[in-house]
N, C-alpha and C. Protein backbone atom coordinates (compact mmCIF):
# COMPACT_ATOMS: atom_id res chain seq x y z
N MET A 1 16.71 220.95 -67.48
CA MET A 1 17.54 220.17 -66.10
C MET A 1 16.16 219.31 -65.65
N GLU A 2 15.17 220.16 -65.24
CA GLU A 2 13.46 219.17 -65.02
C GLU A 2 13.41 218.33 -65.76
N LEU A 3 13.71 218.32 -67.21
CA LEU A 3 13.17 217.41 -68.17
C LEU A 3 13.98 215.71 -67.83
N SER A 4 15.23 216.50 -67.34
CA SER A 4 16.43 215.44 -67.41
C SER A 4 16.03 214.79 -66.02
N TYR A 5 15.71 215.08 -64.87
CA TYR A 5 14.92 214.41 -63.96
C TYR A 5 13.74 213.78 -64.20
N SER A 6 12.80 214.34 -64.69
CA SER A 6 11.67 213.57 -64.96
C SER A 6 11.94 212.21 -66.08
N THR A 7 12.86 212.31 -67.10
CA THR A 7 13.20 211.22 -67.75
C THR A 7 13.97 210.12 -67.08
N ASN A 8 14.95 210.57 -66.13
CA ASN A 8 15.62 209.76 -65.22
C ASN A 8 14.95 209.04 -63.87
N ASN A 9 13.86 209.82 -63.34
CA ASN A 9 12.67 209.18 -62.37
C ASN A 9 12.00 208.46 -63.28
N SER A 10 11.64 208.90 -64.50
CA SER A 10 10.85 207.55 -65.22
C SER A 10 11.61 206.26 -65.24
N MET A 11 12.64 206.58 -65.87
CA MET A 11 13.39 205.23 -66.08
C MET A 11 13.85 204.26 -64.94
N ASN A 12 13.78 205.21 -63.76
CA ASN A 12 13.72 204.45 -62.45
C ASN A 12 12.94 203.52 -62.19
N THR A 13 11.38 204.44 -62.21
CA THR A 13 10.45 203.51 -62.14
C THR A 13 10.26 202.22 -62.62
N LEU A 14 10.67 202.63 -63.98
CA LEU A 14 10.43 201.40 -64.97
C LEU A 14 11.46 200.20 -64.82
N ILE A 15 12.76 200.61 -64.19
CA ILE A 15 13.56 199.93 -63.89
C ILE A 15 12.80 198.77 -62.94
N GLU A 16 12.54 199.76 -61.56
CA GLU A 16 11.97 198.91 -60.50
C GLU A 16 10.96 198.18 -60.52
N GLU A 17 10.07 198.74 -61.64
CA GLU A 17 8.76 197.72 -61.82
C GLU A 17 9.26 196.47 -62.56
N GLU A 18 10.41 196.44 -63.48
CA GLU A 18 10.77 195.38 -64.23
C GLU A 18 11.48 194.20 -63.25
N ASN A 19 12.27 194.65 -61.95
CA ASN A 19 12.92 194.27 -61.09
C ASN A 19 11.64 193.37 -60.32
N LYS A 20 10.41 194.00 -60.09
CA LYS A 20 9.36 193.21 -59.46
C LYS A 20 8.65 192.28 -60.11
N THR A 21 8.56 192.54 -61.22
CA THR A 21 8.37 191.36 -62.38
C THR A 21 8.86 190.33 -62.16
N ILE A 22 10.41 190.41 -62.33
CA ILE A 22 11.42 189.46 -62.24
C ILE A 22 11.26 188.72 -61.03
N ILE A 23 11.33 189.51 -59.93
CA ILE A 23 10.99 188.51 -58.50
C ILE A 23 9.90 187.91 -58.37
N TYR A 24 8.97 188.59 -58.84
CA TYR A 24 7.55 187.63 -58.50
C TYR A 24 7.61 186.43 -59.54
N ALA A 25 8.33 186.80 -60.53
CA ALA A 25 8.27 185.79 -61.62
C ALA A 25 8.73 184.48 -61.05
N LEU A 26 10.15 185.01 -60.25
CA LEU A 26 11.01 183.62 -60.07
C LEU A 26 10.08 183.02 -58.75
N SER A 27 9.68 183.83 -58.02
CA SER A 27 9.22 183.11 -56.67
C SER A 27 7.64 182.17 -57.63
N ASP A 28 7.31 182.72 -58.43
CA ASP A 28 6.17 181.78 -59.03
C ASP A 28 6.63 180.88 -60.00
N LEU A 29 7.57 180.82 -60.72
CA LEU A 29 8.71 179.89 -61.26
C LEU A 29 9.01 178.62 -60.17
N ILE A 30 9.47 178.79 -59.24
CA ILE A 30 10.05 178.04 -58.01
C ILE A 30 8.93 177.28 -57.52
N ASN A 31 7.83 177.71 -57.38
CA ASN A 31 6.95 177.34 -56.61
C ASN A 31 6.12 176.27 -57.79
N ILE A 32 5.99 176.65 -59.14
CA ILE A 32 5.70 175.59 -60.09
C ILE A 32 6.87 174.16 -60.38
N ALA A 33 7.98 174.84 -60.04
CA ALA A 33 9.30 173.40 -60.22
C ALA A 33 8.73 172.72 -59.06
N LEU A 34 8.32 173.48 -58.05
CA LEU A 34 8.42 172.46 -56.66
C LEU A 34 7.08 171.61 -56.48
N ALA A 35 6.16 172.12 -57.28
CA ALA A 35 5.03 171.56 -57.61
C ALA A 35 5.38 170.26 -58.82
N TYR A 36 6.10 170.65 -59.65
CA TYR A 36 6.35 169.59 -60.95
C TYR A 36 7.24 168.26 -60.20
N TYR A 37 7.76 168.48 -58.96
CA TYR A 37 8.65 167.97 -58.49
C TYR A 37 7.74 166.56 -57.63
N GLU A 38 6.88 167.30 -56.81
CA GLU A 38 5.74 166.55 -56.25
C GLU A 38 4.93 165.44 -57.27
N VAL A 39 4.66 166.28 -58.74
CA VAL A 39 4.15 165.30 -59.27
C VAL A 39 4.54 164.17 -60.15
N SER A 40 5.98 164.38 -60.12
CA SER A 40 6.96 163.58 -61.07
C SER A 40 6.76 162.22 -60.62
N GLU A 41 6.52 161.16 -61.79
CA GLU A 41 6.66 159.90 -61.38
C GLU A 41 7.70 159.39 -61.16
N THR A 42 8.59 159.51 -62.06
CA THR A 42 9.94 158.94 -62.44
C THR A 42 11.33 159.67 -61.26
N GLN A 43 11.88 159.10 -61.14
CA GLN A 43 13.44 159.34 -60.39
C GLN A 43 14.15 160.29 -61.67
N GLU A 44 14.14 160.22 -62.64
CA GLU A 44 14.66 160.85 -63.67
C GLU A 44 13.92 162.64 -63.50
N GLN A 45 12.55 162.45 -63.47
CA GLN A 45 11.86 163.78 -63.61
C GLN A 45 12.08 164.34 -62.33
N LYS A 46 12.18 163.68 -61.06
CA LYS A 46 12.51 164.31 -60.15
C LYS A 46 13.74 165.03 -59.88
N GLU A 47 14.93 164.39 -60.60
CA GLU A 47 16.20 164.94 -60.88
C GLU A 47 15.98 166.08 -61.84
N GLU A 48 15.44 166.18 -62.64
CA GLU A 48 14.98 167.02 -63.38
C GLU A 48 14.48 168.25 -62.79
N ALA A 49 13.54 168.13 -61.90
CA ALA A 49 12.80 169.03 -61.01
C ALA A 49 13.66 169.67 -60.27
N LYS A 50 14.64 168.79 -59.61
CA LYS A 50 15.35 169.26 -58.31
C LYS A 50 16.67 170.42 -59.39
N LYS A 51 17.13 170.06 -60.07
CA LYS A 51 18.03 170.80 -61.40
C LYS A 51 17.38 172.24 -61.39
N LEU A 52 16.05 171.84 -62.08
CA LEU A 52 15.17 173.46 -62.15
C LEU A 52 15.32 174.45 -61.17
N ILE A 53 14.77 173.78 -59.90
CA ILE A 53 14.77 174.14 -58.54
C ILE A 53 15.99 174.92 -58.19
N TRP A 54 16.83 174.58 -58.18
CA TRP A 54 18.55 174.89 -58.15
C TRP A 54 18.81 175.87 -58.74
N LYS A 55 18.37 175.77 -60.17
CA LYS A 55 18.98 176.77 -61.38
C LYS A 55 17.87 177.98 -60.78
N LEU A 56 16.50 178.44 -60.50
CA LEU A 56 16.16 179.07 -60.09
C LEU A 56 15.93 179.77 -58.76
N ALA A 57 16.72 178.96 -57.80
CA ALA A 57 17.04 179.43 -56.69
C ALA A 57 18.09 180.64 -57.08
N ASN A 58 19.30 179.94 -57.50
CA ASN A 58 20.23 180.81 -57.70
C ASN A 58 20.22 182.35 -58.61
N LYS A 59 19.01 182.01 -59.75
CA LYS A 59 18.71 183.16 -60.23
C LYS A 59 18.37 184.21 -59.08
N TRP A 60 17.30 183.91 -58.29
CA TRP A 60 16.81 184.26 -56.91
C TRP A 60 18.19 184.63 -56.22
N LEU A 61 19.13 184.18 -55.90
CA LEU A 61 20.26 184.49 -55.12
C LEU A 61 20.71 186.02 -55.85
N GLU A 62 21.22 185.75 -57.28
CA GLU A 62 21.44 186.89 -58.15
C GLU A 62 20.66 188.17 -57.53
N GLU A 63 19.31 188.11 -57.76
CA GLU A 63 18.45 189.33 -57.58
C GLU A 63 18.56 189.97 -55.81
N ILE A 64 18.91 189.15 -55.04
CA ILE A 64 18.87 189.51 -53.87
C ILE A 64 20.63 189.87 -53.51
N SER A 65 21.33 189.38 -54.48
CA SER A 65 22.81 189.99 -53.83
C SER A 65 23.26 191.23 -54.15
N PRO A 66 24.11 191.57 -53.71
CA PRO A 66 24.85 190.86 -52.79
C PRO A 66 24.74 190.92 -51.45
N LEU A 67 25.23 189.86 -50.41
CA LEU A 67 24.88 189.51 -49.22
C LEU A 67 25.94 190.16 -48.33
N GLU A 68 25.25 190.22 -47.32
CA GLU A 68 26.67 190.66 -46.30
C GLU A 68 27.02 189.07 -45.66
N TYR A 69 28.44 189.27 -45.65
CA TYR A 69 29.29 188.01 -45.16
C TYR A 69 28.93 188.28 -43.75
N ILE A 70 28.82 186.75 -43.39
CA ILE A 70 28.44 186.52 -41.90
C ILE A 70 29.27 185.57 -41.42
N PRO A 71 30.38 185.79 -40.77
CA PRO A 71 31.24 184.30 -40.23
C PRO A 71 30.81 183.59 -39.80
N GLY A 72 30.74 182.19 -39.95
CA GLY A 72 30.13 181.11 -39.59
C GLY A 72 28.46 180.73 -40.18
N LEU A 73 28.09 181.67 -40.61
CA LEU A 73 26.32 181.23 -40.81
C LEU A 73 26.20 180.36 -41.77
N VAL A 74 27.10 179.99 -42.91
CA VAL A 74 26.52 179.00 -43.50
C VAL A 74 27.18 177.43 -43.16
N GLU A 75 27.38 177.60 -42.13
CA GLU A 75 28.06 176.38 -41.46
C GLU A 75 27.29 175.89 -40.49
N ASN A 76 26.45 177.07 -39.58
CA ASN A 76 25.97 176.85 -38.96
C ASN A 76 24.53 176.60 -39.52
N VAL A 77 24.17 177.14 -40.21
CA VAL A 77 22.35 176.78 -41.05
C VAL A 77 23.02 175.44 -41.43
N ALA A 78 23.78 175.11 -42.51
CA ALA A 78 24.07 173.54 -43.06
C ALA A 78 23.70 172.61 -41.81
N SER A 79 24.54 173.18 -40.59
CA SER A 79 24.39 171.85 -39.66
C SER A 79 22.89 171.56 -38.63
N VAL A 80 22.11 172.31 -39.19
CA VAL A 80 20.49 172.40 -38.21
C VAL A 80 19.79 172.03 -39.31
N LEU A 81 19.88 172.10 -40.72
CA LEU A 81 18.88 171.58 -41.59
C LEU A 81 18.87 170.27 -42.04
N LYS A 82 17.64 169.75 -41.83
CA LYS A 82 17.40 168.17 -42.00
C LYS A 82 16.84 168.02 -43.24
N TYR A 83 16.27 168.96 -44.02
CA TYR A 83 15.41 168.37 -45.25
C TYR A 83 15.76 169.73 -45.90
N LYS A 84 15.54 169.35 -47.86
CA LYS A 84 15.54 170.00 -48.96
C LYS A 84 14.31 170.70 -49.38
N LEU A 85 14.13 171.95 -50.01
CA LEU A 85 13.19 172.49 -50.32
C LEU A 85 11.84 171.81 -50.90
N TRP A 86 12.13 170.45 -51.49
CA TRP A 86 11.76 169.83 -52.36
C TRP A 86 11.22 169.04 -51.48
N ASP A 87 11.49 168.45 -50.20
CA ASP A 87 10.69 167.70 -49.23
C ASP A 87 10.04 167.98 -48.39
N VAL A 88 9.77 169.27 -48.42
CA VAL A 88 8.39 169.92 -47.55
C VAL A 88 7.63 170.91 -48.13
N THR A 89 7.00 170.18 -49.63
CA THR A 89 6.29 171.26 -50.20
C THR A 89 4.57 171.16 -49.44
N ASN A 90 4.86 169.87 -48.80
CA ASN A 90 3.56 169.97 -47.97
C ASN A 90 3.20 170.55 -46.78
N GLU A 91 4.27 170.84 -46.49
CA GLU A 91 4.56 172.25 -44.91
C GLU A 91 4.59 173.46 -45.34
N LEU A 92 5.17 174.03 -46.64
CA LEU A 92 5.23 175.04 -46.79
C LEU A 92 4.31 175.75 -47.97
N SER A 93 3.45 176.34 -47.55
CA SER A 93 2.58 176.78 -48.93
C SER A 93 3.31 177.79 -49.97
N GLU A 94 2.63 177.78 -50.83
CA GLU A 94 3.32 178.30 -52.09
C GLU A 94 3.27 179.86 -51.81
N GLU A 95 2.00 180.33 -51.10
CA GLU A 95 2.17 181.60 -50.83
C GLU A 95 3.33 181.99 -49.81
N ASP A 96 3.64 181.24 -48.79
CA ASP A 96 4.31 181.25 -47.77
C ASP A 96 5.59 181.72 -48.49
N LEU A 97 6.03 180.45 -49.13
CA LEU A 97 7.18 180.59 -50.01
C LEU A 97 7.35 181.95 -50.44
N GLY A 98 6.47 182.14 -51.27
CA GLY A 98 6.73 183.60 -52.39
C GLY A 98 6.65 184.52 -51.68
N ARG A 99 6.05 184.62 -50.18
CA ARG A 99 5.91 185.74 -49.63
C ARG A 99 7.85 186.10 -48.57
N ILE A 100 8.13 185.04 -48.67
CA ILE A 100 9.56 184.71 -47.85
C ILE A 100 10.44 185.18 -49.23
N LEU A 101 10.34 184.81 -50.32
CA LEU A 101 11.29 184.89 -51.41
C LEU A 101 11.07 186.46 -52.19
N VAL A 102 9.85 187.06 -52.26
CA VAL A 102 9.71 188.67 -52.53
C VAL A 102 9.76 189.49 -51.70
N ASP A 103 9.63 189.35 -50.28
CA ASP A 103 9.88 190.00 -49.16
C ASP A 103 11.52 190.40 -48.72
N SER A 104 12.07 189.11 -48.83
CA SER A 104 13.59 189.00 -48.68
C SER A 104 13.93 190.56 -49.31
N ILE A 105 13.75 190.23 -50.98
CA ILE A 105 14.52 191.22 -51.52
C ILE A 105 13.76 192.68 -51.47
N VAL A 106 12.24 192.95 -51.15
CA VAL A 106 11.97 194.31 -51.33
C VAL A 106 12.32 194.66 -49.83
N PHE A 107 12.51 194.18 -48.44
CA PHE A 107 12.88 194.48 -47.45
C PHE A 107 14.35 194.78 -47.29
N LYS A 108 14.89 194.11 -47.87
CA LYS A 108 16.81 194.60 -48.20
C LYS A 108 16.68 195.61 -48.81
N LYS A 109 15.65 195.87 -49.39
CA LYS A 109 16.11 197.27 -50.54
C LYS A 109 15.57 198.70 -49.37
N LYS A 110 14.49 198.14 -48.65
CA LYS A 110 14.28 199.09 -47.60
C LYS A 110 14.95 199.69 -46.57
N ALA A 111 15.75 198.35 -46.50
CA ALA A 111 17.11 198.65 -45.48
C ALA A 111 18.25 199.42 -45.79
N LEU A 112 18.33 199.30 -46.97
CA LEU A 112 19.33 200.04 -47.92
C LEU A 112 19.05 201.32 -48.12
N GLU A 113 17.85 201.80 -48.26
CA GLU A 113 17.06 203.03 -48.76
C GLU A 113 17.24 203.66 -46.83
N ASN A 114 17.52 203.22 -46.42
CA ASN A 114 17.46 204.13 -44.86
C ASN A 114 16.24 204.40 -44.57
N THR A 115 15.29 203.95 -44.79
CA THR A 115 13.90 203.84 -44.32
C THR A 115 14.00 203.97 -42.84
N GLU A 116 12.78 204.63 -42.22
CA GLU A 116 12.21 204.89 -41.18
C GLU A 116 12.71 203.78 -40.01
N HIS A 117 13.32 204.13 -39.13
CA HIS A 117 13.36 202.99 -38.06
C HIS A 117 12.17 202.18 -37.58
N GLU A 118 11.00 203.20 -37.15
CA GLU A 118 9.96 202.20 -36.93
C GLU A 118 9.31 201.42 -38.16
N VAL A 119 9.73 201.38 -39.43
CA VAL A 119 9.31 201.05 -40.29
C VAL A 119 10.21 199.66 -40.65
N LEU A 120 11.53 200.04 -40.70
CA LEU A 120 12.45 198.76 -40.76
C LEU A 120 12.38 197.88 -39.71
N ASP A 121 11.79 198.28 -38.06
CA ASP A 121 11.61 197.21 -37.26
C ASP A 121 10.71 196.17 -37.40
N ALA A 122 9.26 197.22 -37.75
CA ALA A 122 8.07 196.34 -38.14
C ALA A 122 8.47 195.21 -39.28
N LEU A 123 9.41 195.43 -40.37
CA LEU A 123 9.67 194.81 -41.58
C LEU A 123 10.56 193.66 -40.69
N ALA A 124 11.16 194.18 -39.97
CA ALA A 124 12.26 193.31 -39.30
C ALA A 124 11.41 191.86 -38.53
N ILE A 125 10.35 192.36 -38.08
CA ILE A 125 9.94 191.54 -37.36
C ILE A 125 8.98 190.17 -37.92
N VAL A 126 8.32 191.10 -39.27
CA VAL A 126 7.94 189.96 -40.04
C VAL A 126 8.64 189.21 -40.71
N LEU A 127 9.71 189.66 -41.49
CA LEU A 127 10.53 188.71 -41.83
C LEU A 127 11.52 187.67 -40.88
N TYR A 128 11.79 188.07 -39.62
CA TYR A 128 12.03 187.00 -38.69
C TYR A 128 11.46 185.80 -38.31
N ALA A 129 10.16 186.26 -38.35
CA ALA A 129 8.72 185.17 -38.31
C ALA A 129 8.78 184.40 -39.39
N ARG A 130 9.01 185.00 -40.81
CA ARG A 130 9.13 184.24 -41.74
C ARG A 130 10.06 183.07 -42.05
N ALA A 131 11.19 183.94 -41.50
CA ALA A 131 12.56 182.89 -41.41
C ALA A 131 12.37 181.68 -40.44
N ASN A 132 11.69 182.34 -39.50
CA ASN A 132 11.52 180.98 -38.46
C ASN A 132 10.76 179.58 -38.98
N LYS A 133 9.74 180.19 -39.39
CA LYS A 133 9.11 179.25 -40.04
C LYS A 133 9.76 178.87 -40.99
N LEU A 134 10.11 179.10 -42.21
CA LEU A 134 11.26 178.33 -43.10
C LEU A 134 12.27 177.29 -42.50
N LEU A 135 12.87 177.86 -41.44
CA LEU A 135 13.56 177.02 -40.48
C LEU A 135 12.78 175.68 -40.25
N GLU A 136 12.15 176.26 -39.47
CA GLU A 136 10.78 174.99 -38.89
C GLU A 136 10.81 173.82 -39.74
N VAL A 137 10.17 174.17 -40.95
CA VAL A 137 9.82 173.44 -41.98
C VAL A 137 10.96 172.78 -42.48
N LEU A 138 12.46 173.79 -42.42
CA LEU A 138 13.67 172.43 -43.28
C LEU A 138 13.83 171.59 -42.01
N GLY A 139 13.07 171.31 -40.75
CA GLY A 139 13.84 170.58 -39.87
C GLY A 139 14.32 171.08 -38.42
N VAL A 140 14.23 172.25 -38.40
CA VAL A 140 14.98 173.18 -37.23
C VAL A 140 14.14 173.31 -35.84
N ASN A 141 14.67 172.53 -35.04
CA ASN A 141 13.77 173.12 -34.10
C ASN A 141 13.68 173.84 -33.31
N GLU A 142 12.51 175.09 -33.12
CA GLU A 142 12.65 176.22 -32.43
C GLU A 142 14.09 177.23 -32.91
N PRO A 143 14.27 177.58 -34.07
CA PRO A 143 15.38 178.41 -34.24
C PRO A 143 15.47 179.74 -33.68
N GLU A 144 14.51 180.07 -33.03
CA GLU A 144 14.81 181.52 -32.57
C GLU A 144 15.55 181.03 -31.14
N LYS A 145 15.67 180.20 -30.81
CA LYS A 145 16.71 179.53 -29.50
C LYS A 145 18.00 179.49 -29.92
N LEU A 146 17.93 179.34 -30.88
CA LEU A 146 20.05 178.90 -31.59
C LEU A 146 20.63 180.24 -31.36
N GLU A 147 21.78 180.06 -30.75
CA GLU A 147 22.58 181.41 -30.43
C GLU A 147 23.18 182.05 -31.91
N PHE A 148 23.49 181.33 -32.73
CA PHE A 148 23.89 181.85 -34.11
C PHE A 148 22.60 182.83 -34.68
N ILE A 149 21.49 182.13 -34.35
CA ILE A 149 20.60 183.02 -35.14
C ILE A 149 19.80 184.31 -33.87
N LYS A 150 20.33 184.30 -32.36
CA LYS A 150 20.21 185.12 -31.55
C LYS A 150 20.98 186.24 -32.41
N SER A 151 22.01 185.95 -32.10
CA SER A 151 23.33 186.88 -32.61
C SER A 151 22.59 188.12 -34.32
N LEU A 152 22.22 187.19 -34.82
CA LEU A 152 21.81 188.05 -35.85
C LEU A 152 20.87 188.82 -35.64
N VAL A 153 19.80 188.90 -34.70
CA VAL A 153 18.87 190.01 -34.69
C VAL A 153 18.81 190.47 -33.30
N GLU A 154 19.94 190.30 -32.56
CA GLU A 154 20.16 191.17 -30.96
C GLU A 154 21.00 192.29 -31.48
N VAL A 155 20.81 193.30 -32.82
CA VAL A 155 21.96 193.66 -32.97
C VAL A 155 21.08 195.10 -32.38
N GLU A 156 21.83 196.24 -32.35
CA GLU A 156 20.84 197.44 -32.32
C GLU A 156 20.52 198.13 -33.35
N ASP A 157 21.55 198.13 -34.46
CA ASP A 157 21.05 199.00 -35.53
C ASP A 157 19.86 198.01 -36.48
N VAL A 158 18.51 198.79 -36.53
CA VAL A 158 17.67 198.07 -37.15
C VAL A 158 17.74 197.52 -38.79
N SER A 159 18.67 198.46 -39.38
CA SER A 159 19.14 197.84 -40.76
C SER A 159 19.78 196.93 -40.71
N GLU A 160 20.87 197.02 -39.95
CA GLU A 160 21.59 195.83 -39.81
C GLU A 160 20.66 194.41 -39.23
N LYS A 161 20.00 194.42 -38.63
CA LYS A 161 18.96 193.27 -38.20
C LYS A 161 18.54 192.65 -39.36
N LEU A 162 17.74 193.97 -40.38
CA LEU A 162 17.22 193.15 -41.43
C LEU A 162 17.93 192.69 -42.31
N ILE A 163 19.07 193.24 -42.70
CA ILE A 163 20.14 192.65 -43.60
C ILE A 163 20.59 191.26 -43.36
N ASN A 164 20.77 191.44 -41.93
CA ASN A 164 20.85 190.10 -41.17
C ASN A 164 20.19 188.59 -41.50
N ILE A 165 18.85 189.16 -41.23
CA ILE A 165 17.62 188.31 -41.87
C ILE A 165 17.66 187.62 -42.88
N VAL A 166 17.43 188.93 -43.96
CA VAL A 166 17.85 188.50 -45.40
C VAL A 166 18.90 187.69 -45.47
N THR A 167 20.10 187.69 -44.74
CA THR A 167 21.22 187.08 -45.49
C THR A 167 20.99 185.27 -44.49
N LEU A 168 20.21 185.54 -43.82
CA LEU A 168 19.72 184.34 -43.13
C LEU A 168 18.73 183.41 -44.03
N ILE A 169 18.14 184.07 -44.35
CA ILE A 169 17.13 183.59 -45.85
C ILE A 169 17.82 182.96 -46.76
N ALA A 170 18.14 183.82 -47.38
CA ALA A 170 19.29 183.46 -48.27
C ALA A 170 20.32 182.51 -48.42
N VAL A 171 20.78 182.40 -47.40
CA VAL A 171 21.57 181.12 -46.99
C VAL A 171 21.03 179.66 -46.85
N THR A 172 19.82 179.74 -45.88
CA THR A 172 18.93 178.60 -46.16
C THR A 172 18.45 178.13 -47.20
N ILE A 173 18.02 179.38 -48.10
CA ILE A 173 17.32 178.97 -49.43
C ILE A 173 18.60 177.67 -50.42
N ALA A 174 19.90 178.81 -50.09
CA ALA A 174 20.76 178.52 -50.81
C ALA A 174 21.20 176.69 -50.58
N LEU A 175 21.15 176.52 -49.32
CA LEU A 175 21.45 175.34 -48.71
C LEU A 175 20.42 173.92 -49.01
N ALA A 176 19.15 174.74 -48.87
CA ALA A 176 17.89 173.98 -49.16
C ALA A 176 17.75 173.38 -50.19
N THR A 177 18.69 174.03 -51.25
CA THR A 177 17.93 173.81 -52.93
C THR A 177 19.22 173.11 -53.63
N THR A 178 20.42 172.88 -52.85
CA THR A 178 21.47 172.11 -52.92
C THR A 178 21.32 170.62 -53.12
N PHE A 179 22.18 169.95 -54.25
CA PHE A 179 21.91 168.25 -53.62
C PHE A 179 23.14 167.67 -54.50
């Protein structure tokens, strides 16, 4: 029985490492596709870059799914976004975008694992700041003052708060990469 546990534990570790590799690769590829958009000289190249960004963002969404359904969130976010992700590459660093993409997935996993309350609270604070930065770069003025965003973070359960922030980021990325 102990051998079986060791084998399963090793397999879980291997799968977890593979998932981390995929997450980091997607983050890097999205940043590369955004850089390609920036240096594209023709409209055709820019459209090609947009399609690539969209495909990579969809792959990222697959990695972060399933997402919590929050009624009205898509409509509310769509109503306040002014720019697409490829329009703001000079305002959002590769490192910032990478942290948002990677940490959203990693922190969501922590929330689902019932990690200690204090740890989840600290992760929620960090991710909320990153979500606000993403929204601001995409043209949202003072996102922390919007009622629909306040309702996502003013919940008692810190796991729910973190999952809500992850969902907010995922919806924002999805909307900011469609054309």
